[in-house]
Amino acid sequence: MEMRRAGLVISVRGSQGGYQLAKLPAQISLGQILESVGETIEPLSRYSPDSNQAEDWVTYSIWRRLHKKLSEALYNISLEDLYYDVRSWQAVVGEEASFVI
């Protein structure tokens, strides 16, 4: 089987091939996943407030701060965290079904 590294996953060729994580789930964050698939959480990607409007600057400042906090949160939530969150939920409701993250 030939393995080829591609970002956060490893591609495994062959009849039993597929994709595997390239790192441990604890080392992969939601932010990295979004980044690797080309998604952005940038709310004001090309917005530049008019310097003559105080309201625009306040709005821009609020969104910039929210963006920073959201980015920090996404880069601090790992796949492992999601796994344990789902497992905890399953334990509470008594489910033993499999799940996909």
Foldseek 3Di string as FASTA:
>chain_A
DDWDDDQQWIFDDDPPTDIDGPDPQQQAFQLSVCVSVPHDPQPQPPDDFDPVDPVSVVVVVVSVVVRVVVSVVRRNHTSVNVVVVVVVVCVVVVDPDDDDD
